[in-house]
Protein backbone atom coordinates (compact mmCIF):
# COMPACT_ATOMS: atom_id res chain seq x y z
CA UNK A 1 -24.76 41.80 -17.76
CA UNK A 2 -27.76 40.22 -19.39
CA UNK A 3 -25.66 39.44 -22.41
CA UNK A 4 -23.09 37.75 -20.09
CA UNK A 5 -25.68 35.66 -18.13
CA UNK A 6 -27.28 34.50 -21.75
CA UNK A 7 -23.69 33.34 -22.60
CA UNK A 8 -23.27 31.54 -19.36
CA UNK A 9 -26.67 29.61 -19.46
CA UNK A 10 -27.18 28.67 -22.85
CA UNK A 11 -23.50 28.46 -24.68
CA UNK A 12 -21.33 27.30 -21.63
CA UNK A 13 -21.76 23.96 -20.39
CA UNK A 14 -23.69 24.13 -17.00
CA UNK A 15 -21.16 23.26 -13.89
CA UNK A 16 -23.22 19.82 -13.28
CA UNK A 17 -23.12 19.01 -9.60
CA UNK A 18 -21.56 15.70 -10.53
CA UNK A 19 -18.59 17.35 -12.43
CA UNK A 20 -17.60 19.49 -9.09
CA UNK A 21 -15.49 18.67 -6.08
CA UNK A 22 -15.60 18.58 -3.55
CA UNK A 23 -19.47 17.40 -4.06
CA UNK A 24 -22.20 19.33 -2.75
CA UNK A 25 -22.44 19.40 1.11
CA UNK A 26 -19.33 16.82 1.43
CA UNK A 27 -18.30 16.29 4.99
CA UNK A 28 -14.39 16.00 4.34
CA UNK A 29 -11.86 14.81 7.02
CA UNK A 30 -9.26 17.02 5.37
CA UNK A 31 -8.48 20.77 5.14
CA UNK A 32 -6.24 20.26 2.06
CA UNK A 33 -8.88 20.37 -0.68
CA UNK A 34 -8.96 19.65 -4.53
CA UNK A 35 -11.28 21.96 -5.92
CA UNK A 36 -12.24 21.15 -9.76
CA UNK A 37 -14.90 22.27 -11.89
CA UNK A 38 -15.83 22.07 -15.54
CA UNK A 39 -13.67 23.80 -18.24
CA UNK A 40 -15.01 26.75 -20.09
CA UNK A 41 -14.37 27.56 -23.65
CA UNK A 42 -12.07 30.41 -24.10
CA UNK A 43 -11.71 31.08 -20.23
CA UNK A 44 -7.99 31.39 -19.26
CA UNK A 45 -8.25 32.66 -15.76
CA UNK A 46 -10.58 31.28 -12.90
CA UNK A 47 -11.14 32.59 -9.50
CA UNK A 48 -12.14 30.54 -6.69
CA UNK A 49 -13.61 32.37 -3.64
CA UNK A 50 -14.25 30.62 -0.33
CA UNK A 51 -16.22 32.17 2.58
CA UNK A 52 -16.04 30.88 6.08
CA UNK A 53 -20.36 29.96 6.71
CA UNK A 54 -22.89 28.29 4.90
CA UNK A 55 -24.78 30.82 2.42
CA UNK A 56 -27.06 30.64 -0.21
CA UNK A 57 -27.33 34.26 -1.33
CA UNK A 58 -24.28 36.07 -2.97
CA UNK A 59 -24.67 39.12 -0.64
CA UNK A 60 -24.14 37.11 2.42
CA UNK A 61 -21.46 35.10 0.68
CA UNK A 62 -19.58 38.04 -0.40
CA UNK A 63 -19.41 39.60 3.16
CA UNK A 64 -17.58 36.67 4.48
CA UNK A 65 -15.08 35.51 2.05
CA UNK A 66 -11.68 34.49 3.69
CA UNK A 67 -9.53 33.26 0.55
CA UNK A 68 -9.21 33.88 -3.06
CA UNK A 69 -7.26 31.88 -5.31
CA UNK A 70 -6.58 32.46 -9.09
CA UNK A 71 -5.84 29.62 -11.43
CA UNK A 72 -5.39 28.85 -15.18
CA UNK A 73 -6.84 25.23 -15.09
CA UNK A 74 -10.13 23.55 -13.82
CA UNK A 75 -8.25 22.15 -10.87
CA UNK A 76 -6.57 23.68 -7.82
CA UNK A 77 -5.50 22.54 -4.34
CA UNK A 78 -6.59 24.93 -1.73
CA UNK A 79 -6.20 24.59 2.17
CA UNK A 80 -9.01 26.01 4.35
CA UNK A 81 -8.39 27.25 8.03
CA UNK A 82 -9.89 25.03 10.51
CA UNK A 83 -11.60 21.46 11.11
CA UNK A 84 -15.02 21.31 12.31
CA UNK A 85 -16.11 24.27 9.91
CA UNK A 86 -18.91 24.95 7.16
CA UNK A 87 -17.55 26.76 3.94
CA UNK A 88 -19.19 28.12 0.80
CA UNK A 89 -17.34 28.45 -2.50
CA UNK A 90 -18.09 29.85 -5.95
CA UNK A 91 -15.89 30.21 -9.44
CA UNK A 92 -15.85 33.36 -11.25
CA UNK A 93 -14.85 33.88 -14.62
CA UNK A 94 -14.97 36.73 -17.08
CA UNK A 95 -16.87 38.78 -14.29
CA UNK A 96 -19.90 36.01 -14.64
CA UNK A 97 -21.31 34.98 -11.36
CA UNK A 98 -24.78 33.75 -10.47
CA UNK A 99 -26.80 32.62 -7.41
CA UNK A 100 -26.62 29.22 -8.47
CA UNK A 101 -22.84 29.30 -8.36
CA UNK A 102 -22.68 28.51 -4.72
CA UNK A 103 -21.41 25.35 -3.72
CA UNK A 104 -21.14 23.76 -0.19
CA UNK A 105 -19.02 21.73 2.14
CA UNK A 106 -17.81 21.26 5.87
CA UNK A 107 -14.93 19.82 7.48
CA UNK A 108 -15.37 17.21 10.14
CA UNK A 109 -14.01 17.43 13.80
CA UNK A 110 -11.78 14.73 15.54
CA UNK A 111 -10.17 15.19 18.89
CA UNK A 112 -6.88 14.02 16.89
CA UNK A 113 -7.13 16.92 14.63
CA UNK A 114 -8.07 19.34 17.72
CA UNK A 115 -4.93 21.31 18.20
CA UNK A 116 -6.38 22.32 21.62
CA UNK A 117 -5.70 18.74 22.89
CA UNK A 118 -3.12 16.96 20.70
CA UNK A 119 -0.22 18.72 18.67
CA UNK A 120 2.99 18.05 16.59
CA UNK A 121 5.49 20.11 18.08
CA UNK A 122 8.47 20.92 15.78
CA UNK A 123 11.71 20.57 17.59
CA UNK A 124 13.84 21.20 14.30
CA UNK A 125 12.20 22.98 11.34
CA UNK A 126 12.52 21.70 7.88
CA UNK A 127 14.45 22.91 5.03
CA UNK A 128 14.89 20.34 2.36
CA UNK A 129 11.86 18.53 3.03
CA UNK A 130 9.46 21.43 4.03
CA UNK A 131 7.00 20.38 1.41
CA UNK A 132 6.55 16.94 2.79
CA UNK A 133 3.90 15.59 4.79
CA UNK A 134 4.24 13.11 7.80
CA UNK A 135 1.39 10.45 8.78
CA UNK A 136 1.73 9.60 12.47
CA UNK A 137 -0.31 6.36 13.33
CA UNK A 138 -0.76 6.95 17.13
CA UNK A 139 -2.82 10.27 16.23
CA UNK A 140 -4.43 8.72 12.86
CA UNK A 141 -3.25 11.92 11.42
CA UNK A 142 -1.26 13.49 8.68
CA UNK A 143 0.80 16.36 9.23
CA UNK A 144 2.41 19.28 6.96
CA UNK A 145 6.33 19.90 8.27
CA UNK A 146 5.30 22.82 10.60
CA UNK A 147 3.03 20.57 12.48
CA UNK A 148 -0.58 21.27 11.28
CA UNK A 149 -2.80 18.67 10.95
CA UNK A 150 -4.15 18.53 7.09
CA UNK A 151 -5.93 15.01 7.23
CA UNK A 152 -7.17 12.50 9.86
CA UNK A 153 -8.38 9.08 9.28
CA UNK A 154 -11.94 8.27 8.29
CA UNK A 155 -12.92 4.93 6.73
CA UNK A 156 -16.23 4.25 5.65
CA UNK A 157 -18.03 1.59 7.36
CA UNK A 158 -15.30 1.36 10.03
CA UNK A 159 -15.78 2.13 13.84
CA UNK A 160 -13.68 5.71 13.97
CA UNK A 161 -12.52 4.58 17.44
CA UNK A 162 -10.41 1.51 15.98
CA UNK A 163 -6.66 1.66 16.62
CA UNK A 164 -4.73 2.25 13.80
CA UNK A 165 -1.27 0.92 12.74
CA UNK A 166 1.10 1.25 9.96
CA UNK A 167 -0.48 4.12 8.26
CA UNK A 168 0.99 5.18 5.10
CA UNK A 169 1.14 6.06 1.32
CA UNK A 170 1.17 3.48 -1.11
CA UNK A 171 2.84 3.50 -5.02
CA UNK A 172 -0.39 3.83 -6.17
CA UNK A 173 -1.32 7.28 -4.73
CA UNK A 174 -3.75 5.44 -2.31
CA UNK A 175 -3.43 4.69 1.81
CA UNK A 176 -2.94 1.69 3.56
CA UNK A 177 -3.19 0.79 7.34
CA UNK A 178 -4.40 -1.69 9.92
CA UNK A 179 -7.71 -0.90 11.16
CA UNK A 180 -8.67 -2.52 14.22
CA UNK A 181 -6.03 -5.58 13.11
CA UNK A 182 -7.90 -5.33 9.61
CA UNK A 183 -5.82 -4.46 6.71
CA UNK A 184 -7.38 -1.95 4.44
CA UNK A 185 -6.85 0.47 1.62
CA UNK A 186 -8.61 3.52 1.33
CA UNK A 187 -8.47 6.87 -0.83
CA UNK A 188 -7.81 10.36 0.31
CA UNK A 189 -11.77 10.52 0.80
CA UNK A 190 -11.75 7.41 3.33
CA UNK A 191 -13.53 5.31 0.81
CA UNK A 192 -12.68 1.54 1.19
CA UNK A 193 -10.98 0.17 -1.97
CA UNK A 194 -9.70 -2.95 -0.65
CA UNK A 195 -9.44 -5.12 2.51
CA UNK A 196 -7.71 -8.28 3.56
CA UNK A 197 -10.19 -11.58 3.27
CA UNK A 198 -9.09 -12.52 6.99
CA UNK A 199 -10.19 -16.23 5.97
CA UNK A 200 -7.71 -18.13 7.57
CA UNK A 201 -6.68 -19.97 4.66
CA UNK A 202 -2.96 -19.59 5.80
CA UNK A 203 -3.41 -19.65 9.72
CA UNK A 204 -6.01 -22.61 9.51
CA UNK A 205 -7.61 -20.90 12.16
CA UNK A 206 -10.99 -19.04 11.48
CA UNK A 207 -8.89 -15.70 11.08
CA UNK A 208 -5.27 -14.69 9.73
CA UNK A 209 -4.60 -12.65 12.98
CA UNK A 210 -2.75 -9.83 11.29
CA UNK A 211 -0.71 -7.41 12.96
CA UNK A 212 2.02 -4.70 12.78
CA UNK A 213 2.86 -4.46 9.38
CA UNK A 214 1.11 -4.15 5.73
CA UNK A 215 2.42 -2.93 2.65
CA UNK A 216 1.14 -2.41 -1.09
CA UNK A 217 3.49 -2.91 -3.95
CA UNK A 218 3.76 -0.89 -7.26
CA UNK A 219 2.33 -4.23 -8.96
CA UNK A 220 -0.66 -4.52 -6.92
CA UNK A 221 -0.03 -7.28 -4.53
CA UNK A 222 -0.36 -6.88 -0.67
CA UNK A 223 1.94 -8.52 1.84
CA UNK A 224 1.03 -8.59 5.61
CA UNK A 225 1.95 -10.14 8.82
CA UNK A 226 -0.23 -12.52 10.56
CA UNK A 227 -0.05 -15.46 13.28
CA UNK A 228 -0.86 -19.18 13.39
CA UNK A 229 -1.33 -21.44 16.56
CA UNK A 230 1.43 -23.76 17.55
CA UNK A 231 1.75 -26.07 20.81
CA UNK A 232 4.64 -25.90 23.28
CA UNK A 233 5.20 -29.17 25.21
CA UNK A 234 6.76 -28.10 28.67
CA UNK A 235 9.31 -29.91 30.03
CA UNK A 236 8.94 -32.91 32.68
CA UNK A 237 11.06 -34.20 35.22
CA UNK A 238 13.16 -36.39 32.74
CA UNK A 239 13.53 -33.27 30.01
CA UNK A 240 14.83 -30.16 30.88
CA UNK A 241 14.11 -28.73 27.30
CA UNK A 242 10.63 -27.79 26.00
CA UNK A 243 9.32 -28.60 22.55
CA UNK A 244 7.34 -26.55 19.81
CA UNK A 245 4.93 -28.90 17.85
CA UNK A 246 2.14 -28.24 15.16
CA UNK A 247 -1.30 -27.24 17.05
CA UNK A 248 -3.06 -30.21 18.36
CA UNK A 249 -6.08 -29.11 20.17
CA UNK A 250 -7.32 -32.74 21.30
CA UNK A 251 -3.89 -32.99 22.86
CA UNK A 252 -3.83 -29.47 24.90
CA UNK A 253 -7.14 -30.18 26.08
CA UNK A 254 -6.24 -33.89 27.04
CA UNK A 255 -3.23 -32.69 29.14
CA UNK A 256 -3.18 -28.66 29.52
CA UNK A 257 -0.63 -29.25 32.09
CA UNK A 258 1.84 -30.39 29.87
CA UNK A 259 0.84 -28.37 26.82
CA UNK A 260 0.29 -24.63 26.05
CA UNK A 261 -1.15 -22.76 23.02
CA UNK A 262 1.57 -20.20 21.56
CA UNK A 263 1.56 -18.00 18.52
CA UNK A 264 4.00 -18.23 15.72
CA UNK A 265 4.10 -15.99 12.68
CA UNK A 266 3.22 -15.85 9.19
CA UNK A 267 3.35 -13.67 6.40
CA UNK A 268 1.02 -13.37 3.22
CA UNK A 269 1.26 -12.02 0.01
CA UNK A 270 -2.26 -11.42 -1.68
CA UNK A 271 -3.25 -10.22 -5.04
CA UNK A 272 -6.13 -7.49 -5.81
CA UNK A 273 -8.69 -10.35 -5.70
CA UNK A 274 -7.64 -11.44 -2.06
CA UNK A 275 -6.22 -14.42 -3.34
CA UNK A 276 -3.09 -15.98 -1.60
CA UNK A 277 -0.13 -15.86 -4.23
CA UNK A 278 2.37 -16.57 -1.49
CA UNK A 279 2.91 -17.14 2.23
CA UNK A 280 5.38 -18.41 4.72
CA UNK A 281 5.25 -19.86 8.17
CA UNK A 282 7.72 -19.20 10.75
CA UNK A 283 6.89 -22.44 12.20
CA UNK A 284 8.51 -24.53 9.64
CA UNK A 285 11.64 -22.46 10.99
CA UNK A 286 11.12 -22.73 14.74
CA UNK A 287 10.13 -26.20 15.20
CA UNK A 288 12.71 -28.00 16.30
CA UNK A 289 15.03 -24.99 16.33
CA UNK A 290 17.39 -23.24 18.82
CA UNK A 291 14.48 -21.00 19.91
CA UNK A 292 13.22 -24.08 22.12
CA UNK A 293 16.00 -23.20 24.47
CA UNK A 294 14.64 -19.85 24.99
CA UNK A 295 13.53 -18.61 28.45
CA UNK A 296 11.58 -15.51 29.23
CA UNK A 297 13.47 -14.07 32.45
CA UNK A 298 11.80 -11.88 34.90
CA UNK A 299 8.27 -13.21 34.35
CA UNK A 300 6.20 -15.72 36.02
CA UNK A 301 5.89 -18.11 33.17
CA UNK A 302 9.45 -18.89 32.15
CA UNK A 303 8.24 -20.80 29.57
CA UNK A 304 6.39 -18.11 27.74
CA UNK A 305 7.55 -18.18 24.21
CA UNK A 306 6.97 -14.68 22.69
CA UNK A 307 7.88 -14.76 18.96
CA UNK A 308 6.14 -11.54 18.12
CA UNK A 309 7.14 -10.99 14.62
CA UNK A 310 6.64 -7.30 14.55
CA UNK A 311 8.14 -6.09 10.86
CA UNK A 312 9.43 -7.06 7.79
CA UNK A 313 11.14 -5.86 4.45
CA UNK A 314 10.57 -6.99 0.99
CA UNK A 315 14.02 -6.67 -0.49
CA UNK A 316 12.44 -7.12 -4.34
CA UNK A 317 15.93 -6.65 -6.36
CA UNK A 318 17.56 -9.61 -4.66
CA UNK A 319 14.31 -11.54 -4.07
CA UNK A 320 14.57 -11.77 -0.19
CA UNK A 321 12.41 -10.99 2.68
CA UNK A 322 13.85 -9.75 6.08
CA UNK A 323 11.61 -10.71 9.07
CA UNK A 324 12.15 -9.17 12.71
CA UNK A 325 11.27 -10.96 15.85
CA UNK A 326 11.36 -8.41 18.75
CA UNK A 327 11.57 -10.77 21.73
CA UNK A 328 13.96 -13.13 20.36
CA UNK A 329 16.45 -10.36 19.36
CA UNK A 330 16.27 -12.04 15.95
CA UNK A 331 16.07 -11.02 12.29
CA UNK A 332 15.53 -13.86 9.77
CA UNK A 333 16.38 -13.69 6.02
CA UNK A 334 14.41 -15.74 3.77
CA UNK A 335 14.59 -16.44 -0.04
CA UNK A 336 11.47 -15.08 -1.98
CA UNK A 337 9.55 -17.21 -3.32
CA UNK A 338 11.17 -20.61 -2.08
CA UNK A 339 11.15 -19.87 1.49
CA UNK A 340 14.03 -21.22 2.71
CA UNK A 341 16.27 -19.33 5.47
CA UNK A 342 19.23 -17.78 4.07
CA UNK A 343 20.70 -16.06 7.15
CA UNK A 344 19.70 -15.77 10.87
CA UNK A 345 20.93 -12.55 12.28
CA UNK A 346 20.78 -11.83 16.30
CA UNK A 347 20.91 -14.15 19.40
CA UNK A 348 21.00 -17.94 19.15
CA UNK A 349 19.94 -19.83 22.44
CA UNK A 350 21.61 -22.42 24.22
CA UNK A 351 20.32 -24.82 26.96
CA UNK A 352 20.18 -23.29 30.33
CA UNK A 353 21.30 -19.93 28.81
CA UNK A 354 19.04 -16.83 29.81
CA UNK A 355 17.98 -14.33 27.30
CA UNK A 356 20.03 -11.33 27.45
CA UNK A 357 20.24 -9.85 24.01
CA UNK A 358 23.55 -9.09 22.22
CA UNK A 359 25.89 -6.28 21.07
CA UNK A 360 24.21 -5.66 17.59
CA UNK A 361 20.29 -5.20 18.61
CA UNK A 362 17.60 -6.13 20.86
CA UNK A 363 13.92 -5.67 20.93
CA UNK A 364 14.27 -4.14 17.50
CA UNK A 365 11.17 -3.08 15.66
CA UNK A 366 11.83 -2.43 12.31
CA UNK A 367 14.34 -3.37 9.47
CA UNK A 368 15.42 -2.65 5.90
CA UNK A 369 17.85 -3.15 3.28
CA UNK A 370 19.32 0.23 2.38
CA UNK A 371 20.32 1.43 -1.41
CA UNK A 372 23.69 0.98 -0.49
CA UNK A 373 23.18 -2.51 0.57
CA UNK A 374 23.37 -2.32 4.21
CA UNK A 375 20.81 -3.83 6.64
CA UNK A 376 19.55 -1.00 8.64
CA UNK A 377 17.46 -1.84 11.89
CA UNK A 378 15.48 0.33 14.43
CA UNK A 379 16.96 -1.25 17.61
CA UNK A 380 14.99 -0.45 20.84
CA UNK A 381 18.03 -1.58 23.03
CA UNK A 382 15.55 -2.99 25.40
CA UNK A 383 18.18 -5.75 26.86
CA UNK A 384 19.99 -2.59 27.91
CA UNK A 385 17.44 -0.72 30.91
CA UNK A 386 18.05 3.01 30.55
CA UNK A 387 19.72 3.01 27.13
CA UNK A 388 18.38 5.00 24.42
CA UNK A 389 17.10 3.73 21.21
CA UNK A 390 19.58 3.49 18.09
CA UNK A 391 19.27 3.42 14.32
CA UNK A 392 22.09 0.69 13.67
CA UNK A 393 23.78 -0.01 10.05
CA UNK A 394 25.00 -3.55 9.51
CA UNK A 395 27.09 -5.17 6.64
CA UNK A 396 25.62 -8.59 6.02
CA UNK A 397 28.02 -11.76 5.65
CA UNK A 398 29.70 -11.86 2.18
CA UNK A 399 30.79 -15.33 2.86
CA UNK A 400 29.95 -18.59 5.27
CA UNK A 401 33.11 -17.61 7.60
CA UNK A 402 32.02 -13.79 7.41
CA UNK A 403 29.54 -12.11 10.14
CA UNK A 404 27.07 -9.38 10.76
CA UNK A 405 29.20 -6.25 11.70
CA UNK A 406 28.19 -2.86 12.84
CA UNK A 407 28.81 -0.27 10.49
CA UNK A 408 27.61 2.97 11.96
CA UNK A 409 25.13 3.43 14.93
CA UNK A 410 22.74 6.74 15.73
CA UNK A 411 21.94 6.94 19.16
CA UNK A 412 18.24 8.65 19.20
CA UNK A 413 18.73 11.70 21.29
CA UNK A 414 16.31 12.58 24.17
CA UNK A 415 17.16 16.10 24.78
CA UNK A 416 14.01 18.01 24.96
CA UNK A 417 12.21 17.10 28.53
CA UNK A 418 13.69 16.93 31.95
CA UNK A 419 11.61 14.13 33.12
CA UNK A 420 11.35 12.14 29.63
CA UNK A 421 12.62 9.08 31.43
CA UNK A 422 9.09 8.58 32.64
CA UNK A 423 7.99 8.10 29.20
CA UNK A 424 8.35 4.87 27.04
CA UNK A 425 10.26 4.84 23.77
CA UNK A 426 11.38 1.18 23.65
CA UNK A 427 7.89 0.16 22.35
CA UNK A 428 7.34 0.30 18.51
CA UNK A 429 9.22 2.56 16.52
CA UNK A 430 10.30 2.49 12.75
CA UNK A 431 12.51 3.72 10.07
CA UNK A 432 12.10 4.30 6.24
CA UNK A 433 14.81 5.14 3.64
CA UNK A 434 14.11 8.41 1.50
CA UNK A 435 15.04 8.54 -2.10
CA UNK A 436 18.30 10.66 -1.10
CA UNK A 437 19.26 7.76 1.54
CA UNK A 438 17.90 10.03 4.52
CA UNK A 439 15.80 8.25 7.02
CA UNK A 440 12.72 8.89 8.39
CA UNK A 441 12.26 7.43 12.08
CA UNK A 442 9.84 7.30 14.54
CA UNK A 443 10.90 6.72 18.17
CA UNK A 444 7.49 4.95 19.25
CA UNK A 445 6.13 4.70 22.77
CA UNK A 446 4.64 7.42 24.42
CA UNK A 447 7.52 9.67 23.93
CA UNK A 448 7.22 9.00 19.85
CA UNK A 449 9.41 11.57 18.65
CA UNK A 450 9.75 11.59 14.51
CA UNK A 451 12.67 12.89 12.95
CA UNK A 452 14.41 12.83 9.53
CA UNK A 453 18.09 11.41 9.78
CA UNK A 454 20.63 12.84 7.16
CA UNK A 455 23.20 10.72 5.62
CA UNK A 456 25.76 12.60 7.82
CA UNK A 457 23.68 11.79 10.80
CA UNK A 458 22.77 15.16 11.37
CA UNK A 459 18.88 15.78 12.29
CA UNK A 460 17.23 17.29 9.41
CA UNK A 461 13.82 17.65 10.89
CA UNK A 462 12.19 16.81 14.21
CA UNK A 463 8.97 16.81 15.91
CA UNK A 464 7.19 15.67 19.05
CA UNK A 465 3.48 14.59 19.44
CA UNK A 466 2.23 16.03 22.48
CA UNK A 467 -1.32 15.89 24.44
CA UNK A 468 -2.62 18.76 26.71
CA UNK A 469 -2.49 17.18 30.27
CA UNK A 470 -5.26 18.71 31.97
CA UNK A 471 -4.07 17.47 35.48
CA UNK A 472 -0.73 18.98 35.07
CA UNK A 473 -1.70 21.85 33.02
CA UNK A 474 0.70 21.62 30.56
CA UNK A 475 1.59 19.80 26.96
CA UNK A 476 3.09 16.16 27.53
CA UNK A 477 4.69 13.76 25.06
CA UNK A 478 1.85 11.04 24.25
CA UNK A 479 -0.82 9.94 21.82
CA UNK A 480 2.19 10.12 19.19
CA UNK A 481 3.66 7.48 16.76
CA UNK A 482 3.90 3.49 16.93
CA UNK A 483 5.08 4.13 13.43
CA UNK A 484 5.37 6.94 11.10
CA UNK A 485 5.58 7.33 7.33
CA UNK A 486 6.21 10.22 4.95
CA UNK A 487 4.78 11.85 1.65
CA UNK A 488 7.90 13.01 0.18
CA UNK A 489 6.79 16.29 -1.42
CA UNK A 490 4.02 18.37 -2.97
CA UNK A 491 3.99 16.33 -6.18
CA UNK A 492 3.13 12.93 -4.27
CA UNK A 493 0.52 14.58 -1.97
CA UNK A 494 -1.16 16.06 -4.97
CA UNK A 495 -1.34 12.49 -6.48
CA UNK A 496 -3.05 11.50 -3.67
CA UNK A 497 -5.58 14.41 -3.38
CA UNK A 498 -6.59 13.69 -7.02
CA UNK A 499 -6.38 9.96 -6.84
CA UNK A 500 -4.19 10.29 -9.97
CA UNK A 501 -2.66 6.91 -10.42
CA UNK A 502 0.59 5.37 -9.96
CA UNK A 503 3.52 7.29 -8.25
CA UNK A 504 7.04 6.79 -9.26
CA UNK A 505 8.40 3.60 -7.85
CA UNK A 506 10.64 3.88 -4.57
CA UNK A 507 14.06 1.98 -4.48
CA UNK A 508 13.54 -1.29 -4.58
CA UNK A 509 9.91 -1.50 -5.31
CA UNK A 510 8.76 -3.71 -8.12
């Protein structure tokens, strides 16, 4: 035994703390952990032992070992049982162990990862996608396909109580999201890698007022929705129409009864240094357009123009950007980078005609151009009270005389609760196309079911975010998705854990 220890300490490189992951006494916001340690010459098999608890002696450690994994390299991803727990681990090879081989870490606790408070209940088990993982941004959590939380959002330097939107994996193997309205990019450990400058260069204000959707592309650029102020001139006795103007604070302050401040949308592309490389303002499209005929029915202020950009899709192959405007029931297709409007899809407003929505979509919250060339929309169907949300596939016009046509529709079934009508599902929601042309969909709202829809419009997997309701003493829908996204398989998950560089580009990504 003495010869073995002599060999270990003098002829094999020490297991230096800086080379070992997880780092000593780390506090981790995940249970799926990448263990690594230096390679040792001539060693072909390593054994990683993990004990529940914090131990400094080998005797105590060995009594509490809960997991043993054998590996042929110096890297291994292992899942530990629980959040909010301390763990001790060591590596054993050729029968060599020593007291200073013990390493320590703990997993953090969070209400979103506490399965006594919130859960993702599986409605239909996955077969094809059983190795995938799903982000549910309403819960700030990443789940495996059996509904177990494996990671929750923790961003260094950011308040953990900030609301999150659009939580997803980037092509670089990082995570992007909107944290409290600030677009950020982080790694698996929560280290901040990039944040949007928010300097008002595009909006002309003190901030860009980011919202809804934030995407990193394979070339390292970022695209984000924002807002800019505009001025609405209200109609007088001789003019039955209102008019959208460029924002003028002096004009507003001099006659507030005749004007009101409104928000119009922007979309901004940044490079890695935070420099604006492209932007588009909806004001250049809406000022003087049919939107000036819009009237908001059923509200106290019928002249409230709620333009409300809520999603975009960059079709890089065809150099076009699709932008969704929820309350206008409209999707605008613009040419990139020129910015000119190629098509307007949805409702067109006429003087004196109240907003009603149309047969194609209304209150939509997400759109994309599919690999097969169809425009696919997550349609909240909000102009039809009591109707369920839909996923709608549309054929775009191929000539000036042609029009947008419905090719197929899937009605998002709500079959899992007799009192589901008291929950909302016409707020939020999104769709993402997967490599095999299936669709991941999130219904949004307080109901928030997440599912994968196959090309044959059959459900391949579905789950429902739920919260424990103390008053009713039962699980109820809630706390779930505004948007959802997917890590398609174990390989992509491993790239995220190891921070292993770019992932294969998804269809349409540059």
